[in-house]
All heavy atoms as atom14 arrays in JSON, in Angstrom:
{
  "sequence": "RYALQQGIHQFLDLGSGIPTVGNVHDIAHHTNA",
  "atom14_mask": [
    [1, 1, 1, 1, 1, 1, 1, 1, 1, 1, 1, 0, 0, 0],
    [1, 1, 1, 1, 1, 1, 1, 1, 1, 1, 1, 1, 0, 0],
    [1, 1, 1, 1, 1, 0, 0, 0, 0, 0, 0, 0, 0, 0],
    [1, 1, 1, 1, 1, 1, 1, 1, 0, 0, 0, 0, 0, 0],
    [1, 1, 1, 1, 1, 1, 1, 1, 1, 0, 0, 0, 0, 0],
    [1, 1, 1, 1, 1, 1, 1, 1, 1, 0, 0, 0, 0, 0],
    [1, 1, 1, 1, 0, 0, 0, 0, 0, 0, 0, 0, 0, 0],
    [1, 1, 1, 1, 1, 1, 1, 1, 0, 0, 0, 0, 0, 0],
    [1, 1, 1, 1, 1, 1, 1, 1, 1, 1, 0, 0, 0, 0],
    [1, 1, 1, 1, 1, 1, 1, 1, 1, 0, 0, 0, 0, 0],
    [1, 1, 1, 1, 1, 1, 1, 1, 1, 1, 1, 0, 0, 0],
    [1, 1, 1, 1, 1, 1, 1, 1, 0, 0, 0, 0, 0, 0],
    [1, 1, 1, 1, 1, 1, 1, 1, 0, 0, 0, 0, 0, 0],
    [1, 1, 1, 1, 1, 1, 1, 1, 0, 0, 0, 0, 0, 0],
    [1, 1, 1, 1, 0, 0, 0, 0, 0, 0, 0, 0, 0, 0],
    [1, 1, 1, 1, 1, 1, 0, 0, 0, 0, 0, 0, 0, 0],
    [1, 1, 1, 1, 0, 0, 0, 0, 0, 0, 0, 0, 0, 0],
    [1, 1, 1, 1, 1, 1, 1, 1, 0, 0, 0, 0, 0, 0],
    [1, 1, 1, 1, 1, 1, 1, 0, 0, 0, 0, 0, 0, 0],
    [1, 1, 1, 1, 1, 1, 1, 0, 0, 0, 0, 0, 0, 0],
    [1, 1, 1, 1, 1, 1, 1, 0, 0, 0, 0, 0, 0, 0],
    [1, 1, 1, 1, 0, 0, 0, 0, 0, 0, 0, 0, 0, 0],
    [1, 1, 1, 1, 1, 1, 1, 1, 0, 0, 0, 0, 0, 0],
    [1, 1, 1, 1, 1, 1, 1, 0, 0, 0, 0, 0, 0, 0],
    [1, 1, 1, 1, 1, 1, 1, 1, 1, 1, 0, 0, 0, 0],
    [1, 1, 1, 1, 1, 1, 1, 1, 0, 0, 0, 0, 0, 0],
    [1, 1, 1, 1, 1, 1, 1, 1, 0, 0, 0, 0, 0, 0],
    [1, 1, 1, 1, 1, 0, 0, 0, 0, 0, 0, 0, 0, 0],
    [1, 1, 1, 1, 1, 1, 1, 1, 1, 1, 0, 0, 0, 0],
    [1, 1, 1, 1, 1, 1, 1, 1, 1, 1, 0, 0, 0, 0],
    [1, 1, 1, 1, 1, 1, 1, 0, 0, 0, 0, 0, 0, 0],
    [1, 1, 1, 1, 1, 1, 1, 1, 0, 0, 0, 0, 0, 0],
    [1, 1, 1, 1, 1, 0, 0, 0, 0, 0, 0, 0, 0, 0]
  ],
  "atom14_positions": [
    [[0.84, -1.23, 0.02], [0.02, 0.02, 0.03], [0.85, 1.24, 0.01], [0.58, 2.22, -0.7], [-0.94, 0.02, 1.17], [-2.06, -1.04, 1.03], [-2.99, -1.02, 2.2], [-4.01, -2.08, 2.07], [-4.33, -2.89, 3.05], [-3.83, -2.73, 4.28], [-5.23, -3.85, 2.85], [0.0, 0.0, 0.0], [0.0, 0.0, 0.0], [0.0, 0.0, 0.0]],
    [[1.92, 1.25, 0.77], [2.84, 2.39, 0.79], [3.42, 2.62, -0.58], [3.53, 3.75, -1.03], [3.93, 2.23, 1.87], [4.89, 3.39, 1.92], [4.57, 4.55, 2.56], [6.15, 3.24, 1.27], [5.47, 5.62, 2.57], [7.08, 4.3, 1.29], [6.71, 5.48, 1.96], [7.57, 6.53, 1.93], [0.0, 0.0, 0.0], [0.0, 0.0, 0.0]],
    [[3.97, 1.56, -1.16], [4.55, 1.69, -2.51], [3.52, 2.26, -3.53], [3.93, 3.1, -4.29], [5.06, 0.31, -2.98], [0.0, 0.0, 0.0], [0.0, 0.0, 0.0], [0.0, 0.0, 0.0], [0.0, 0.0, 0.0], [0.0, 0.0, 0.0], [0.0, 0.0, 0.0], [0.0, 0.0, 0.0], [0.0, 0.0, 0.0], [0.0, 0.0, 0.0]],
    [[2.31, 1.79, -3.43], [1.27, 2.32, -4.37], [1.1, 3.81, -4.11], [0.93, 4.59, -5.1], [-0.03, 1.58, -4.19], [-0.09, 0.12, -4.75], [-1.29, -0.55, -4.19], [-0.11, 0.22, -6.26], [0.0, 0.0, 0.0], [0.0, 0.0, 0.0], [0.0, 0.0, 0.0], [0.0, 0.0, 0.0], [0.0, 0.0, 0.0], [0.0, 0.0, 0.0]],
    [[1.03, 4.24, -2.86], [0.87, 5.66, -2.58], [2.07, 6.47, -3.04], [1.87, 7.67, -3.38], [0.74, 5.89, -1.02], [-0.6, 5.29, -0.46], [-0.55, 5.35, 1.03], [0.46, 5.61, 1.71], [-1.69, 4.99, 1.63], [0.0, 0.0, 0.0], [0.0, 0.0, 0.0], [0.0, 0.0, 0.0], [0.0, 0.0, 0.0], [0.0, 0.0, 0.0]],
    [[3.22, 5.89, -3.15], [4.4, 6.57, -3.7], [4.49, 6.57, -5.21], [5.43, 7.1, -5.75], [5.63, 5.99, -3.08], [5.71, 6.06, -1.55], [5.49, 7.48, -1.01], [6.17, 8.42, -1.43], [4.52, 7.62, -0.09], [0.0, 0.0, 0.0], [0.0, 0.0, 0.0], [0.0, 0.0, 0.0], [0.0, 0.0, 0.0], [0.0, 0.0, 0.0]],
    [[3.49, 5.96, -5.82], [3.45, 5.96, -7.33], [4.01, 4.7, -7.97], [4.21, 4.62, -9.14], [0.0, 0.0, 0.0], [0.0, 0.0, 0.0], [0.0, 0.0, 0.0], [0.0, 0.0, 0.0], [0.0, 0.0, 0.0], [0.0, 0.0, 0.0], [0.0, 0.0, 0.0], [0.0, 0.0, 0.0], [0.0, 0.0, 0.0], [0.0, 0.0, 0.0]],
    [[4.39, 3.72, -7.21], [4.9, 2.47, -7.73], [3.7, 1.58, -8.03], [2.9, 1.32, -7.16], [5.88, 1.8, -6.74], [7.05, 2.67, -6.5], [6.28, 0.4, -7.26], [7.97, 2.21, -5.38], [0.0, 0.0, 0.0], [0.0, 0.0, 0.0], [0.0, 0.0, 0.0], [0.0, 0.0, 0.0], [0.0, 0.0, 0.0], [0.0, 0.0, 0.0]],
    [[3.64, 1.11, -9.27], [2.47, 0.35, -9.72], [2.84, -1.0, -10.31], [1.99, -1.75, -10.8], [1.61, 1.1, -10.68], [1.08, 2.35, -10.17], [0.03, 2.37, -9.31], [1.45, 3.63, -10.22], [-0.31, 3.55, -8.94], [0.6, 4.37, -9.48], [0.0, 0.0, 0.0], [0.0, 0.0, 0.0], [0.0, 0.0, 0.0], [0.0, 0.0, 0.0]],
    [[4.13, -1.35, -10.3], [4.55, -2.65, -10.8], [5.47, -3.28, -9.72], [6.27, -2.64, -9.12], [5.36, -2.5, -12.12], [4.52, -2.04, -13.25], [5.29, -1.99, -14.57], [6.5, -1.95, -14.57], [4.56, -2.03, -15.66], [0.0, 0.0, 0.0], [0.0, 0.0, 0.0], [0.0, 0.0, 0.0], [0.0, 0.0, 0.0], [0.0, 0.0, 0.0]],
    [[5.25, -4.56, -9.54], [5.91, -5.28, -8.48], [6.49, -6.54, -9.04], [5.85, -7.23, -9.8], [4.97, -5.61, -7.32], [4.37, -4.38, -6.71], [3.17, -3.87, -7.19], [4.98, -3.82, -5.59], [2.6, -2.76, -6.61], [4.42, -2.66, -5.01], [3.23, -2.16, -5.5], [0.0, 0.0, 0.0], [0.0, 0.0, 0.0], [0.0, 0.0, 0.0]],
    [[7.68, -6.91, -8.56], [8.28, -8.19, -8.9], [8.4, -8.93, -7.57], [9.13, -8.55, -6.67], [9.68, -7.96, -9.47], [10.49, -9.27, -9.76], [9.72, -10.13, -10.8], [11.88, -8.88, -10.29], [0.0, 0.0, 0.0], [0.0, 0.0, 0.0], [0.0, 0.0, 0.0], [0.0, 0.0, 0.0], [0.0, 0.0, 0.0], [0.0, 0.0, 0.0]],
    [[7.58, -9.94, -7.47], [7.51, -10.75, -6.22], [8.3, -12.01, -6.34], [7.94, -12.9, -7.09], [6.05, -11.09, -5.92], [5.88, -11.78, -4.63], [6.8, -11.87, -3.85], [4.75, -12.32, -4.41], [0.0, 0.0, 0.0], [0.0, 0.0, 0.0], [0.0, 0.0, 0.0], [0.0, 0.0, 0.0], [0.0, 0.0, 0.0], [0.0, 0.0, 0.0]],
    [[9.42, -12.07, -5.67], [10.25, -13.25, -5.68], [9.99, -14.03, -4.42], [10.7, -13.94, -3.45], [11.73, -12.84, -5.81], [12.1, -11.99, -7.04], [13.54, -11.53, -6.96], [11.82, -12.8, -8.29], [0.0, 0.0, 0.0], [0.0, 0.0, 0.0], [0.0, 0.0, 0.0], [0.0, 0.0, 0.0], [0.0, 0.0, 0.0], [0.0, 0.0, 0.0]],
    [[8.97, -14.83, -4.46], [8.53, -15.54, -3.21], [8.98, -16.97, -3.3], [9.66, -17.42, -4.17], [0.0, 0.0, 0.0], [0.0, 0.0, 0.0], [0.0, 0.0, 0.0], [0.0, 0.0, 0.0], [0.0, 0.0, 0.0], [0.0, 0.0, 0.0], [0.0, 0.0, 0.0], [0.0, 0.0, 0.0], [0.0, 0.0, 0.0], [0.0, 0.0, 0.0]],
    [[8.51, -17.72, -2.3], [8.86, -19.12, -2.27], [8.03, -20.01, -3.19], [8.33, -21.2, -3.32], [8.64, -19.62, -0.81], [7.3, -19.49, -0.42], [0.0, 0.0, 0.0], [0.0, 0.0, 0.0], [0.0, 0.0, 0.0], [0.0, 0.0, 0.0], [0.0, 0.0, 0.0], [0.0, 0.0, 0.0], [0.0, 0.0, 0.0], [0.0, 0.0, 0.0]],
    [[6.97, -19.48, -3.72], [6.09, -20.24, -4.63], [4.99, -20.94, -3.9], [4.16, -21.61, -4.49], [0.0, 0.0, 0.0], [0.0, 0.0, 0.0], [0.0, 0.0, 0.0], [0.0, 0.0, 0.0], [0.0, 0.0, 0.0], [0.0, 0.0, 0.0], [0.0, 0.0, 0.0], [0.0, 0.0, 0.0], [0.0, 0.0, 0.0], [0.0, 0.0, 0.0]],
    [[4.95, -20.81, -2.57], [3.85, -21.43, -1.81], [2.64, -20.56, -1.95], [2.64, -19.36, -1.58], [4.23, -21.58, -0.31], [5.5, -22.49, -0.18], [3.03, -22.1, 0.53], [6.06, -22.52, 1.18], [0.0, 0.0, 0.0], [0.0, 0.0, 0.0], [0.0, 0.0, 0.0], [0.0, 0.0, 0.0], [0.0, 0.0, 0.0], [0.0, 0.0, 0.0]],
    [[1.53, -21.11, -2.48], [0.35, -20.27, -2.67], [-0.26, -19.83, -1.31], [-0.43, -20.66, -0.44], [-0.6, -21.14, -3.41], [-0.1, -22.52, -3.34], [1.33, -22.44, -2.94], [0.0, 0.0, 0.0], [0.0, 0.0, 0.0], [0.0, 0.0, 0.0], [0.0, 0.0, 0.0], [0.0, 0.0, 0.0], [0.0, 0.0, 0.0], [0.0, 0.0, 0.0]],
    [[-0.55, -18.53, -1.22], [-1.16, -18.0, 0.01], [-2.24, -17.03, -0.41], [-2.3, -16.58, -1.54], [-0.13, -17.27, 0.89], [0.37, -16.18, 0.14], [0.96, -18.19, 1.34], [0.0, 0.0, 0.0], [0.0, 0.0, 0.0], [0.0, 0.0, 0.0], [0.0, 0.0, 0.0], [0.0, 0.0, 0.0], [0.0, 0.0, 0.0], [0.0, 0.0, 0.0]],
    [[-3.06, -16.68, 0.53], [-4.06, -15.62, 0.3], [-3.43, -14.32, 0.56], [-2.66, -14.17, 1.51], [-5.28, -15.86, 1.24], [-6.28, -14.76, 1.09], [-5.91, -17.18, 0.96], [0.0, 0.0, 0.0], [0.0, 0.0, 0.0], [0.0, 0.0, 0.0], [0.0, 0.0, 0.0], [0.0, 0.0, 0.0], [0.0, 0.0, 0.0], [0.0, 0.0, 0.0]],
    [[-3.74, -13.36, -0.28], [-3.14, -11.99, -0.13], [-1.8, -11.85, -0.7], [-0.86, -11.3, -0.12], [0.0, 0.0, 0.0], [0.0, 0.0, 0.0], [0.0, 0.0, 0.0], [0.0, 0.0, 0.0], [0.0, 0.0, 0.0], [0.0, 0.0, 0.0], [0.0, 0.0, 0.0], [0.0, 0.0, 0.0], [0.0, 0.0, 0.0], [0.0, 0.0, 0.0]],
    [[-1.64, -12.38, -1.92], [-0.36, -12.18, -2.66], [-0.17, -10.68, -2.99], [-1.06, -9.88, -2.94], [-0.35, -13.0, -3.97], [-0.36, -14.48, -3.69], [0.45, -14.94, -2.9], [-1.29, -15.15, -4.34], [0.0, 0.0, 0.0], [0.0, 0.0, 0.0], [0.0, 0.0, 0.0], [0.0, 0.0, 0.0], [0.0, 0.0, 0.0], [0.0, 0.0, 0.0]],
    [[1.12, -10.34, -3.38], [1.43, -9.0, -3.71], [0.46, -8.46, -4.77], [-0.13, -7.33, -4.64], [2.9, -8.85, -4.15], [3.13, -7.47, -4.71], [3.82, -9.15, -2.99], [0.0, 0.0, 0.0], [0.0, 0.0, 0.0], [0.0, 0.0, 0.0], [0.0, 0.0, 0.0], [0.0, 0.0, 0.0], [0.0, 0.0, 0.0], [0.0, 0.0, 0.0]],
    [[0.27, -9.22, -5.84], [-0.57, -8.71, -6.92], [-2.07, -8.59, -6.49], [-2.74, -7.67, -6.94], [-0.46, -9.58, -8.18], [-0.98, -10.99, -8.06], [-0.17, -12.0, -7.55], [-2.17, -11.52, -8.37], [-0.88, -13.09, -7.49], [-2.11, -12.82, -7.97], [0.0, 0.0, 0.0], [0.0, 0.0, 0.0], [0.0, 0.0, 0.0], [0.0, 0.0, 0.0]],
    [[-2.47, -9.43, -5.6], [-3.88, -9.35, -5.1], [-4.06, -8.08, -4.26], [-5.02, -7.34, -4.41], [-4.27, -10.55, -4.21], [-4.36, -11.79, -5.02], [-4.73, -11.77, -6.17], [-4.15, -12.89, -4.43], [0.0, 0.0, 0.0], [0.0, 0.0, 0.0], [0.0, 0.0, 0.0], [0.0, 0.0, 0.0], [0.0, 0.0, 0.0], [0.0, 0.0, 0.0]],
    [[-3.06, -7.81, -3.36], [-3.13, -6.59, -2.56], [-3.09, -5.37, -3.43], [-3.87, -4.41, -3.25], [-1.97, -6.57, -1.54], [-2.12, -7.77, -0.57], [-1.94, -5.26, -0.75], [-0.85, -8.02, 0.26], [0.0, 0.0, 0.0], [0.0, 0.0, 0.0], [0.0, 0.0, 0.0], [0.0, 0.0, 0.0], [0.0, 0.0, 0.0], [0.0, 0.0, 0.0]],
    [[-2.17, -5.34, -4.39], [-2.03, -4.17, -5.25], [-3.3, -3.9, -6.06], [-3.75, -2.75, -6.14], [-0.81, -4.31, -6.15], [0.0, 0.0, 0.0], [0.0, 0.0, 0.0], [0.0, 0.0, 0.0], [0.0, 0.0, 0.0], [0.0, 0.0, 0.0], [0.0, 0.0, 0.0], [0.0, 0.0, 0.0], [0.0, 0.0, 0.0], [0.0, 0.0, 0.0]],
    [[-3.86, -4.95, -6.64], [-5.0, -4.79, -7.49], [-6.21, -4.4, -6.65], [-7.04, -3.59, -7.06], [-5.33, -6.04, -8.28], [-6.35, -5.85, -9.35], [-6.12, -5.06, -10.43], [-7.61, -6.25, -9.45], [-7.26, -5.04, -11.19], [-8.16, -5.78, -10.6], [0.0, 0.0, 0.0], [0.0, 0.0, 0.0], [0.0, 0.0, 0.0], [0.0, 0.0, 0.0]],
    [[-6.36, -4.97, -5.47], [-7.5, -4.63, -4.55], [-7.37, -3.2, -4.1], [-8.39, -2.5, -3.98], [-7.55, -5.59, -3.34], [-8.65, -5.33, -2.42], [-9.98, -5.5, -2.78], [-8.64, -4.82, -1.17], [-10.74, -5.17, -1.75], [-9.95, -4.73, -0.75], [0.0, 0.0, 0.0], [0.0, 0.0, 0.0], [0.0, 0.0, 0.0], [0.0, 0.0, 0.0]],
    [[-6.15, -2.71, -3.81], [-5.97, -1.37, -3.32], [-6.04, -0.36, -4.4], [-6.56, 0.76, -4.25], [-4.6, -1.27, -2.63], [-4.49, -2.23, -1.59], [-4.36, 0.13, -2.05], [0.0, 0.0, 0.0], [0.0, 0.0, 0.0], [0.0, 0.0, 0.0], [0.0, 0.0, 0.0], [0.0, 0.0, 0.0], [0.0, 0.0, 0.0], [0.0, 0.0, 0.0]],
    [[-5.55, -0.73, -5.61], [-5.54, 0.21, -6.73], [-5.77, -0.56, -8.02], [-4.91, -1.31, -8.5], [-4.16, 0.92, -6.78], [-4.04, 1.89, -7.91], [-4.96, 2.05, -8.71], [-2.94, 2.62, -7.96], [0.0, 0.0, 0.0], [0.0, 0.0, 0.0], [0.0, 0.0, 0.0], [0.0, 0.0, 0.0], [0.0, 0.0, 0.0], [0.0, 0.0, 0.0]],
    [[-6.94, -0.41, -8.61], [-7.27, -1.18, -9.78], [-6.39, -0.87, -10.99], [-6.39, -1.61, -11.98], [-8.75, -0.98, -10.17], [0.0, 0.0, 0.0], [0.0, 0.0, 0.0], [0.0, 0.0, 0.0], [0.0, 0.0, 0.0], [0.0, 0.0, 0.0], [0.0, 0.0, 0.0], [0.0, 0.0, 0.0], [0.0, 0.0, 0.0], [0.0, 0.0, 0.0]]
  ]
}
């Protein structure tokens, strides 16, 4: 959310690959379409 407020709209998520609820892209899209 902070990154979105600062004008960042693209994210590269280098995670473990374990599916979870509330991934980076889900949070970003829900906060800012």
